[in-house]
Amino acid sequence: MIVERVHRYGWAFDERRRDALRTCFTEDAVWEGDVQGAEHIGPIRGREEIVDWLAGFWDRQTEQRRHLMPSVVVDRRGPTEADALAYLVLTSATGTSLTIVLTSFYRMRLVNQAGTWRIRHLFEGCDVAF
């Protein structure tokens, strides 16, 4: 269920579903990242703020994005907390063209809330600017 939550985050973003993004995060979640270790992004604090920030990209993205996460690893797991790691290959499709937009990694801290795993902290390290 931890790995599924990581993938559901990508699906929710790609399908532009605010409702599904909300279910991915705890109310007090934090999203942050950096680009090549040089430009820090965030932190964005709170589920609604994170969803609003992520959804803010959608109007500028006229192509179809896909978050491909082929290597999700649960690094540490307890009964109520877990850490997950994942590599991301982000693609963009328009017409007959498919492009790799960026590669990055995710480090996530997830918590189990009444049987549902949710992201409490997400860090994305981007290999290139986006």
Foldseek 3Di string as FASTA:
>chain_A
DQVVLVQQCQVCLLVVPLVSQLLQADQFAWEWEAEQVPGIGDGQTGSVSVSVVSSVCVVVQPWGKGWDWPDKDFPDDDPFKTKIKTKTFIWTDDDHDIDGPWIWMKIFMWTQDPNDIHTRYIYIYTHHDD
